[in-house]
Structure formats: C-alpha cells, structure tokens
Amino acid sequence: MKKIQVVVAEDQAMVLGALAALLETEPDIAVCARAANGREALTAVGKHKPDVLVTDIEMPEMTGLTLAGEVRERYPQTRVVILTTFARPGYLRRALDAGAKGYLLKDRPSAELADAVRRVNQGLRVVDPDLALEAWDSGPDPLTERERQILWRAGEGKSSGEIAEELHLSEGTVRNYLSEAISKLGASNRVEAARLARAKGWL
C-alpha cells in the first residue's frame, strides 16, 4: 500500500515532534520531512513533492497563509492543511483564498488530523464546522492587501516614515492607506484598527 506522504511545518519543536509522531502511528501515512519555519517547509515540499502539507499559520520566515499560496502556485499537486490555535474567521477565509484544502484547530481530537489528511488527499475539503459557521456570519475582509501590509506594520509600532521607507512609498501615501483602513474598521486610531483586524484574523 502506498502511504500518504506528508510534510509537517511548525515552529515549536515539541509540537512539531508530537504532530509528526502522531501521524507516523497511522498505517497509511508517512512523514517525509519536518520544517521549523515557512521557508524550510517550501523547500521540503519542493524536494519531496508530498501529497499533503500540514502547517501552522504563525511561523518565522513565512506565514502558513503565504506558504499555502506559494505551494498552490509552485506545487499544485500538494494539498495544504492549516492546523492552528487561532479560531479567527478572517484566517479561515484567507487560508481558503490561498488554496488551503483543510483548516483545523489544535484543540480538536488528534484522530481528526489523520482523518483530515486522508480526506484532503482524496480531494475533499475539511474545515472546522464551528469556525466555518462563524466565518460565514462575520462578513468578508474589508482590507486590501496593501492596507493589510501597512496596518500590520503600524500595529508593530512602526511610524509612517519607517513604513514608507520599508515599502518604498511616500509618507502621505502610507497615511492615506492607514486612514482608509481605520475608517473601514470603524476604529479611532491605527493601534485600535490593528487590534481589531488582528482579532478577526485579517492581519
């Protein structure tokens, strides 16, 4: 029997080891590589061409959402399952937009992960049912990609000047984007806007 080949990406070493060990106990699943960040994961997918990539969202080098988009672009034969602690509707929407076929929360029973790997490998989509319902109710992400980039940096405490330099924009343009994002989110300032967007999973 040909086993389902899986790459696991997770930046916490203990969690990475536990996930890989958990999947390895399944008779029809083999973990062909482990990665501690998004870039390592992308390299591993390119090298091993696995059937399924199981990845966290918040990782160094490259987030799981960016990674999912890169994998869809470069290695469309590999299906992506996002496994995260973040029950944020915005993350779910962005994960699906990036091409992920599965979205599970880490507090689900362990047997569900192996089941999700099997189902995604068969071409099915697997999404945490409670979160899917919440995402449906919460409405679409109002931010553009550029607004998201700028608001994320503002939320990290960077000034308009620093953001402008980093993104090769004028300070006035950065302030316009921030003003637009603050207005869309109904916030009173950039810090509150970043907090609201993060809570929804839009950052």
C-alpha atoms as a PDB file:
ATOM      1  CA  MET A   1       0.000   0.000   0.000  1.00  0.00           C
ATOM      2  CA  LYS A   2       1.378   3.407  -0.968  1.00  0.00           C
ATOM      3  CA  LYS A   3       1.418   5.675   2.072  1.00  0.00           C
ATOM      4  CA  ILE A   4       0.232   9.290   2.011  1.00  0.00           C
ATOM      5  CA  GLN A   5       3.420  11.383   2.074  1.00  0.00           C
ATOM      6  CA  VAL A   6       3.221  14.353   4.455  1.00  0.00           C
ATOM      7  CA  VAL A   7       5.441  17.345   5.303  1.00  0.00           C
ATOM      8  CA  VAL A   8       4.763  18.920   8.721  1.00  0.00           C
ATOM      9  CA  ALA A   9       5.619  22.595   9.383  1.00  0.00           C
ATOM     10  CA  GLU A  10       5.511  24.009  12.921  1.00  0.00           C
ATOM     11  CA  ASP A  11       7.898  26.431  14.650  1.00  0.00           C
ATOM     12  CA  GLN A  12       7.559  24.970  18.170  1.00  0.00           C
ATOM     13  CA  ALA A  13       9.926  21.988  18.280  1.00  0.00           C
ATOM     14  CA  MET A  14       7.938  19.986  20.820  1.00  0.00           C
ATOM     15  CA  VAL A  15       4.651  20.449  18.928  1.00  0.00           C
ATOM     16  CA  LEU A  16       6.374  19.591  15.643  1.00  0.00           C
ATOM     17  CA  GLY A  17       7.726  16.360  17.118  1.00  0.00           C
ATOM     18  CA  ALA A  18       4.349  15.451  18.599  1.00  0.00           C
ATOM     19  CA  LEU A  19       2.465  16.073  15.342  1.00  0.00           C
ATOM     20  CA  ALA A  20       4.954  14.056  13.291  1.00  0.00           C
ATOM     21  CA  ALA A  21       4.889  11.193  15.821  1.00  0.00           C
ATOM     22  CA  LEU A  22       1.097  11.249  15.873  1.00  0.00           C
ATOM     23  CA  LEU A  23       0.831  10.974  12.093  1.00  0.00           C
ATOM     24  CA  GLU A  24       3.552   8.308  11.941  1.00  0.00           C
ATOM     25  CA  THR A  25       1.412   5.980  14.083  1.00  0.00           C
ATOM     26  CA  GLU A  26      -1.111   5.800  11.237  1.00  0.00           C
ATOM     27  CA  PRO A  27      -0.502   2.771   8.973  1.00  0.00           C
ATOM     28  CA  ASP A  28      -1.287   4.672   5.771  1.00  0.00           C
ATOM     29  CA  ILE A  29       0.596   7.947   6.495  1.00  0.00           C
ATOM     30  CA  ALA A  30       4.347   8.680   6.331  1.00  0.00           C
ATOM     31  CA  VAL A  31       6.018  11.953   7.402  1.00  0.00           C
ATOM     32  CA  CYS A  32       8.733  12.548   4.798  1.00  0.00           C
ATOM     33  CA  ALA A  33      10.013  15.853   6.255  1.00  0.00           C
ATOM     34  CA  ARG A  34       9.632  18.282   9.151  1.00  0.00           C
ATOM     35  CA  ALA A  35      10.118  22.052   8.909  1.00  0.00           C
ATOM     36  CA  ALA A  36      10.556  24.687  11.630  1.00  0.00           C
ATOM     37  CA  ASN A  37       9.525  27.673   9.501  1.00  0.00           C
ATOM     38  CA  GLY A  38       7.728  28.603   6.293  1.00  0.00           C
ATOM     39  CA  ARG A  39      10.820  28.753   4.066  1.00  0.00           C
ATOM     40  CA  GLU A  40      12.055  25.356   5.235  1.00  0.00           C
ATOM     41  CA  ALA A  41       8.598  23.977   4.536  1.00  0.00           C
ATOM     42  CA  LEU A  42       8.552  25.362   0.989  1.00  0.00           C
ATOM     43  CA  THR A  43      11.983  23.845   0.326  1.00  0.00           C
ATOM     44  CA  ALA A  44      10.847  20.494   1.765  1.00  0.00           C
ATOM     45  CA  VAL A  45       7.731  20.475  -0.425  1.00  0.00           C
ATOM     46  CA  GLY A  46       9.881  21.204  -3.486  1.00  0.00           C
ATOM     47  CA  LYS A  47      12.266  18.389  -2.593  1.00  0.00           C
ATOM     48  CA  HIS A  48       9.829  15.666  -1.525  1.00  0.00           C
ATOM     49  CA  LYS A  49       6.682  16.578  -3.533  1.00  0.00           C
ATOM     50  CA  PRO A  50       4.424  15.315  -0.718  1.00  0.00           C
ATOM     51  CA  ASP A  51       0.723  14.581  -1.096  1.00  0.00           C
ATOM     52  CA  VAL A  52      -0.162  16.818   1.864  1.00  0.00           C
ATOM     53  CA  LEU A  53       1.475  19.691   3.760  1.00  0.00           C
ATOM     54  CA  VAL A  54       0.285  20.228   7.356  1.00  0.00           C
ATOM     55  CA  THR A  55       1.273  23.719   8.512  1.00  0.00           C
ATOM     56  CA  ASP A  56       0.795  26.169  11.351  1.00  0.00           C
ATOM     57  CA  ILE A  57      -0.115  29.805  10.489  1.00  0.00           C
ATOM     58  CA  GLU A  58       2.206  31.949  12.592  1.00  0.00           C
ATOM     59  CA  MET A  59       5.795  30.900  11.806  1.00  0.00           C
ATOM     60  CA  PRO A  60       9.095  32.716  11.203  1.00  0.00           C
ATOM     61  CA  GLU A  61      10.367  33.408   7.672  1.00  0.00           C
ATOM     62  CA  MET A  62       6.971  32.893   6.025  1.00  0.00           C
ATOM     63  CA  THR A  63       3.470  32.502   7.491  1.00  0.00           C
ATOM     64  CA  GLY A  64       1.381  29.429   6.805  1.00  0.00           C
ATOM     65  CA  LEU A  65      -1.019  31.552   4.749  1.00  0.00           C
ATOM     66  CA  THR A  66       1.762  32.837   2.480  1.00  0.00           C
ATOM     67  CA  LEU A  67       3.177  29.314   2.333  1.00  0.00           C
ATOM     68  CA  ALA A  68      -0.189  27.897   1.230  1.00  0.00           C
ATOM     69  CA  GLY A  69      -0.311  30.403  -1.639  1.00  0.00           C
ATOM     70  CA  GLU A  70       3.270  29.596  -2.704  1.00  0.00           C
ATOM     71  CA  VAL A  71       2.583  25.851  -2.636  1.00  0.00           C
ATOM     72  CA  ARG A  72      -0.565  26.270  -4.739  1.00  0.00           C
ATOM     73  CA  GLU A  73       1.447  28.323  -7.239  1.00  0.00           C
ATOM     74  CA  ARG A  74       4.539  26.102  -7.475  1.00  0.00           C
ATOM     75  CA  TYR A  75       3.457  22.626  -6.382  1.00  0.00           C
ATOM     76  CA  PRO A  76      -0.286  22.316  -7.075  1.00  0.00           C
ATOM     77  CA  GLN A  77      -0.176  18.535  -6.574  1.00  0.00           C
ATOM     78  CA  THR A  78       0.466  19.100  -2.822  1.00  0.00           C
ATOM     79  CA  ARG A  79      -2.664  19.815  -0.802  1.00  0.00           C
ATOM     80  CA  VAL A  80      -2.424  22.065   2.259  1.00  0.00           C
ATOM     81  CA  VAL A  81      -3.985  21.577   5.700  1.00  0.00           C
ATOM     82  CA  ILE A  82      -3.735  24.527   8.106  1.00  0.00           C
ATOM     83  CA  LEU A  83      -3.511  23.461  11.758  1.00  0.00           C
ATOM     84  CA  THR A  84      -3.686  26.382  14.181  1.00  0.00           C
ATOM     85  CA  THR A  85      -4.715  27.628  17.612  1.00  0.00           C
ATOM     86  CA  PHE A  86      -6.405  30.640  16.004  1.00  0.00           C
ATOM     87  CA  ALA A  87     -10.165  30.333  15.715  1.00  0.00           C
ATOM     88  CA  ARG A  88     -10.386  33.523  13.657  1.00  0.00           C
ATOM     89  CA  PRO A  89     -12.869  33.684  10.783  1.00  0.00           C
ATOM     90  CA  GLY A  90     -10.597  36.011   8.804  1.00  0.00           C
ATOM     91  CA  TYR A  91      -7.752  33.492   8.934  1.00  0.00           C
ATOM     92  CA  LEU A  92     -10.053  30.782   7.630  1.00  0.00           C
ATOM     93  CA  ARG A  93     -11.196  32.917   4.705  1.00  0.00           C
ATOM     94  CA  ARG A  94      -7.625  33.906   3.843  1.00  0.00           C
ATOM     95  CA  ALA A  95      -6.456  30.278   4.126  1.00  0.00           C
ATOM     96  CA  LEU A  96      -9.147  29.104   1.702  1.00  0.00           C
ATOM     97  CA  ASP A  97      -8.369  32.016  -0.635  1.00  0.00           C
ATOM     98  CA  ALA A  98      -4.702  30.935  -0.555  1.00  0.00           C
ATOM     99  CA  GLY A  99      -5.710  27.460  -1.687  1.00  0.00           C
ATOM    100  CA  ALA A 100      -5.702  25.518   1.598  1.00  0.00           C
ATOM    101  CA  LYS A 101      -7.950  22.455   1.500  1.00  0.00           C
ATOM    102  CA  GLY A 102      -8.158  21.947   5.257  1.00  0.00           C
ATOM    103  CA  TYR A 103      -8.388  24.185   8.328  1.00  0.00           C
ATOM    104  CA  LEU A 104      -8.326  22.555  11.760  1.00  0.00           C
ATOM    105  CA  LEU A 105      -7.871  23.865  15.292  1.00  0.00           C
ATOM    106  CA  LYS A 106      -5.190  22.330  17.508  1.00  0.00           C
ATOM    107  CA  ASP A 107      -7.627  21.646  20.325  1.00  0.00           C
ATOM    108  CA  ARG A 108      -9.545  19.093  18.240  1.00  0.00           C
ATOM    109  CA  PRO A 109      -9.106  15.363  18.997  1.00  0.00           C
ATOM    110  CA  SER A 110      -5.884  14.009  17.492  1.00  0.00           C
ATOM    111  CA  ALA A 111      -7.689  11.407  15.350  1.00  0.00           C
ATOM    112  CA  GLU A 112      -9.263  14.274  13.382  1.00  0.00           C
ATOM    113  CA  LEU A 113      -5.885  15.346  11.993  1.00  0.00           C
ATOM    114  CA  ALA A 114      -5.136  11.978  10.407  1.00  0.00           C
ATOM    115  CA  ASP A 115      -8.697  11.841   9.098  1.00  0.00           C
ATOM    116  CA  ALA A 116      -8.301  15.331   7.618  1.00  0.00           C
ATOM    117  CA  VAL A 117      -5.040  14.315   5.892  1.00  0.00           C
ATOM    118  CA  ARG A 118      -6.812  11.330   4.306  1.00  0.00           C
ATOM    119  CA  ARG A 119      -9.822  13.324   3.177  1.00  0.00           C
ATOM    120  CA  VAL A 120      -7.787  16.211   1.779  1.00  0.00           C
ATOM    121  CA  ASN A 121      -5.598  13.694  -0.043  1.00  0.00           C
ATOM    122  CA  GLN A 122      -8.784  12.380  -1.695  1.00  0.00           C
ATOM    123  CA  GLY A 123      -9.569  15.877  -2.960  1.00  0.00           C
ATOM    124  CA  LEU A 124     -12.113  16.770  -0.280  1.00  0.00           C
ATOM    125  CA  ARG A 125     -12.170  19.970   1.792  1.00  0.00           C
ATOM    126  CA  VAL A 126     -12.045  19.754   5.598  1.00  0.00           C
ATOM    127  CA  VAL A 127     -12.930  22.798   7.712  1.00  0.00           C
ATOM    128  CA  ASP A 128     -13.677  23.043  11.433  1.00  0.00           C
ATOM    129  CA  PRO A 129     -17.522  23.235  11.399  1.00  0.00           C
ATOM    130  CA  ASP A 130     -17.927  25.822  14.207  1.00  0.00           C
ATOM    131  CA  LEU A 131     -15.391  28.130  12.630  1.00  0.00           C
ATOM    132  CA  ALA A 132     -16.935  27.763   9.176  1.00  0.00           C
ATOM    133  CA  LEU A 133     -20.247  28.942  10.586  1.00  0.00           C
ATOM    134  CA  GLU A 134     -18.602  31.901  12.334  1.00  0.00           C
ATOM    135  CA  ALA A 135     -16.714  32.877   9.158  1.00  0.00           C
ATOM    136  CA  TRP A 136     -19.951  32.774   7.203  1.00  0.00           C
ATOM    137  CA  ASP A 137     -21.565  35.158   9.716  1.00  0.00           C
ATOM    138  CA  SER A 138     -18.655  37.545  10.130  1.00  0.00           C
ATOM    139  CA  GLY A 139     -18.625  39.052   6.646  1.00  0.00           C
ATOM    140  CA  PRO A 140     -15.727  39.475   4.221  1.00  0.00           C
ATOM    141  CA  ASP A 141     -12.330  41.011   4.987  1.00  0.00           C
ATOM    142  CA  PRO A 142     -12.646  44.723   4.068  1.00  0.00           C
ATOM    143  CA  LEU A 143      -8.892  45.379   3.826  1.00  0.00           C
ATOM    144  CA  THR A 144      -6.870  45.426   0.620  1.00  0.00           C
ATOM    145  CA  GLU A 145      -3.512  43.632   0.614  1.00  0.00           C
ATOM    146  CA  ARG A 146      -1.633  46.964   0.762  1.00  0.00           C
ATOM    147  CA  GLU A 147      -3.770  48.218   3.663  1.00  0.00           C
ATOM    148  CA  ARG A 148      -3.050  44.953   5.460  1.00  0.00           C
ATOM    149  CA  GLN A 149       0.721  45.287   4.948  1.00  0.00           C
ATOM    150  CA  ILE A 150       0.723  48.859   6.261  1.00  0.00           C
ATOM    151  CA  LEU A 151      -1.662  48.266   9.171  1.00  0.00           C
ATOM    152  CA  TRP A 152       0.319  45.213  10.299  1.00  0.00           C
ATOM    153  CA  ARG A 153       3.496  47.314  10.456  1.00  0.00           C
ATOM    154  CA  ALA A 154       1.670  50.133  12.245  1.00  0.00           C
ATOM    155  CA  GLY A 155       0.415  47.593  14.783  1.00  0.00           C
ATOM    156  CA  GLU A 156       4.048  46.559  15.367  1.00  0.00           C
ATOM    157  CA  GLY A 157       4.730  50.158  16.426  1.00  0.00           C
ATOM    158  CA  LYS A 158       6.405  51.442  13.260  1.00  0.00           C
ATOM    159  CA  SER A 159       5.987  55.091  12.283  1.00  0.00           C
ATOM    160  CA  SER A 160       4.555  56.246   8.949  1.00  0.00           C
ATOM    161  CA  GLY A 161       8.076  57.233   7.907  1.00  0.00           C
ATOM    162  CA  GLU A 162       9.501  53.783   8.712  1.00  0.00           C
ATOM    163  CA  ILE A 163       6.655  52.042   6.886  1.00  0.00           C
ATOM    164  CA  ALA A 164       7.088  54.341   3.867  1.00  0.00           C
ATOM    165  CA  GLU A 165      10.800  53.537   3.696  1.00  0.00           C
ATOM    166  CA  GLU A 166      10.227  49.795   4.069  1.00  0.00           C
ATOM    167  CA  LEU A 167       7.549  49.617   1.365  1.00  0.00           C
ATOM    168  CA  HIS A 168       9.078  52.269  -0.953  1.00  0.00           C
ATOM    169  CA  LEU A 169       6.065  54.571  -0.661  1.00  0.00           C
ATOM    170  CA  SER A 170       5.683  58.232   0.270  1.00  0.00           C
ATOM    171  CA  GLU A 171       4.656  59.089   3.836  1.00  0.00           C
ATOM    172  CA  GLY A 172       1.491  60.724   2.511  1.00  0.00           C
ATOM    173  CA  THR A 173       0.514  57.514   0.718  1.00  0.00           C
ATOM    174  CA  VAL A 174       1.079  55.484   3.889  1.00  0.00           C
ATOM    175  CA  ARG A 175      -1.076  57.906   5.893  1.00  0.00           C
ATOM    176  CA  ASN A 176      -3.833  57.663   3.261  1.00  0.00           C
ATOM    177  CA  TYR A 177      -3.823  53.855   3.424  1.00  0.00           C
ATOM    178  CA  LEU A 178      -3.895  53.949   7.232  1.00  0.00           C
ATOM    179  CA  SER A 179      -6.752  56.450   7.237  1.00  0.00           C
ATOM    180  CA  GLU A 180      -8.712  54.232   4.837  1.00  0.00           C
ATOM    181  CA  ALA A 181      -8.106  51.106   6.955  1.00  0.00           C
ATOM    182  CA  ILE A 182      -9.050  52.912  10.196  1.00  0.00           C
ATOM    183  CA  SER A 183     -12.252  54.163   8.563  1.00  0.00           C
ATOM    184  CA  LYS A 184     -13.208  50.708   7.197  1.00  0.00           C
ATOM    185  CA  LEU A 185     -12.766  49.131  10.635  1.00  0.00           C
ATOM    186  CA  GLY A 186     -14.622  51.897  12.476  1.00  0.00           C
ATOM    187  CA  ALA A 187     -11.577  52.417  14.706  1.00  0.00           C
ATOM    188  CA  SER A 188     -10.399  55.665  16.305  1.00  0.00           C
ATOM    189  CA  ASN A 189      -6.685  55.215  15.569  1.00  0.00           C
ATOM    190  CA  ARG A 190      -4.125  52.920  13.929  1.00  0.00           C
ATOM    191  CA  VAL A 191      -3.429  50.908  17.102  1.00  0.00           C
ATOM    192  CA  GLU A 192      -7.114  50.126  17.640  1.00  0.00           C
ATOM    193  CA  ALA A 193      -7.534  49.331  13.932  1.00  0.00           C
ATOM    194  CA  ALA A 194      -4.619  46.875  14.046  1.00  0.00           C
ATOM    195  CA  ARG A 195      -6.019  45.242  17.206  1.00  0.00           C
ATOM    196  CA  LEU A 196      -9.498  44.847  15.664  1.00  0.00           C
ATOM    197  CA  ALA A 197      -8.110  43.456  12.399  1.00  0.00           C
ATOM    198  CA  ARG A 198      -5.869  41.006  14.256  1.00  0.00           C
ATOM    199  CA  ALA A 199      -8.774  39.755  16.371  1.00  0.00           C
ATOM    200  CA  LYS A 200     -10.729  38.993  13.198  1.00  0.00           C
ATOM    201  CA  GLY A 201      -7.769  37.271  11.556  1.00  0.00           C
ATOM    202  CA  TRP A 202      -7.440  39.916   8.848  1.00  0.00           C
ATOM    203  CA  LEU A 203      -3.812  40.691   9.747  1.00  0.00           C
END
